[in-house]
Amino acid sequence: MSLRISRTLLVCVIAVFGFSSPLTADNLSYDNPEAVSMSSERLMRITPVINQYVDDGELVGVVSMIARRGEIVHFDAYGELNKESSQPLARDSIFRIYSMTKPITTLAVMMLYEEGKLQLTDPVARHLPEFQNVRVAGPGGSLVQPERPMTVQMLMTHSSGLTYGVFGDTLVDRQYRDANVMAAPDLDTFIDRLGQIPLQYQPGTRFHYSVATDVLGALVEAVSGMTLGEFFRTRIFEPLQMHDTFFEVPADKLARFGTNHTFNPQTGELEVSDRPEGSNFVNRRTFESGGGGLLSTAEDYMRFSQMVLNGGELDGQRIIGNKTLEYMTRNHLPGIFGANGVHNPQELPGFARGTGFGLGFAVVDDQTAAGGVGSDGEYYWGGAAGTIFWIDPEEELIGIVMIQHMNVRVPLRATFKALTYAAITD
């Protein structure tokens, strides 16, 4: 299946941007939202709602995108590229997607699994020997032996015992900060530092959001013999024509990359938290982070998402097997963590009841319990700067929102979802 873009949308794009607008992805063709049982009139409700968030100063700029049954039925840009200029945000603006990197990294590991190069039950230390002698934090600062090995699959479900070092203040968290784990210059150094720090929990006993997907990135390098960026580029991005997804913004695309923003908790004022000049995303000084290092555009991430929804194929390019993706997008936590899936949902803001975790994606098992409109079986993730996506297999629907705000005060995801589902007519 190819991605297609609606005629209604195309007319609007030409009217607003002219023929020079960067609608250039290969294999896009044209139809109207009604052809996929979406209401053009109801989709138009999205624009004033998001514009109001921008006008109220809650958001600097937003790109939103919706596809159903392979048709792009909504694709719009609002506001500005950054707070300090009047340059309009464009549909091809480049965003820090942070943790929306995680599904891509997890998929890369599953590609290697399909090739027989690793097993999900493999101890991580089999491929990364730095973890051979890892211990687990015990009472009173003691260290104890792991009750079971930390496995590849535990990394994918954030049940490995690793942590991030920023969400708490345990002895292990402090060791992460003291070792400056996330500032390591390369993945070898990152793994070397991490392997000297005990696990926060016994492997396989609880969900705890962590650097596990960065370890998966190191695993890709160790097993494939390629750098993570090279594997992504040659095995995923080039086949999917994701030409604007990378770990570092090229010089010729820098004009499309804006600032990141945050609300000052003391003053409530919106401030710039990261400018292109001097940004680690422009002049990379740290390792290629499989957990949060990529930049992308709405259109590129839509191509990735459509490939996933299609069962691993887009425009004749098969990236991964359909049954593998089915396995990835099931909830893998209930057997360990009880009927509600995630053992401790307050550890990760946005995790709701009725939601568990697959391999690289949060998975909704019970939409009623999760709250809001949607479908059982949908899966999603987001990034620290407010980027979000979800995939609804039942409705053959994908939604993407790109912003650059480290703390968002408006219910953007819930509102955009409600407006999206309200436009479905069958």
Foldseek 3Di string as FASTA:
>chain_A
DAAEEEPVVVVVCCVVPNPVAPPDFPPYHYHAPVVLQFFLVLLVVVVVVVQVCCVVVQFQKKWKWKDFPRYTHDTDIYHPQEDPDRHGAGQFFKFQFFQVLLVVLLLLVVLCVVVVLDDQFDQLCVQVVLQVPAWAQDPPRDTHHAPDGQGNQLLQQQQRLAAALPLDDDPLSVLCVVLVLQLAQALVSNSNSVSVGHGHDRGPQAHHDHLSSQSSQVSSCSRVVDHSQVCCVPQPCVLLVQVFKGLAGDPVNLVSHAFFWEQDPVPRDIDTDGGCVVHCNHVPRHYCRSRGRMMGGPVSVVSVLLCLLVQQDYPHDGRDGNVSSVQQQDFPACVNQNDQAHNDVVSDPPDWGQWHHGRSWIARQDDVRRDADADHSKTWDGRQQGWIWIAHNVRSMIITMGGRYNDRDDPVVRVVVNSRVVRRRD
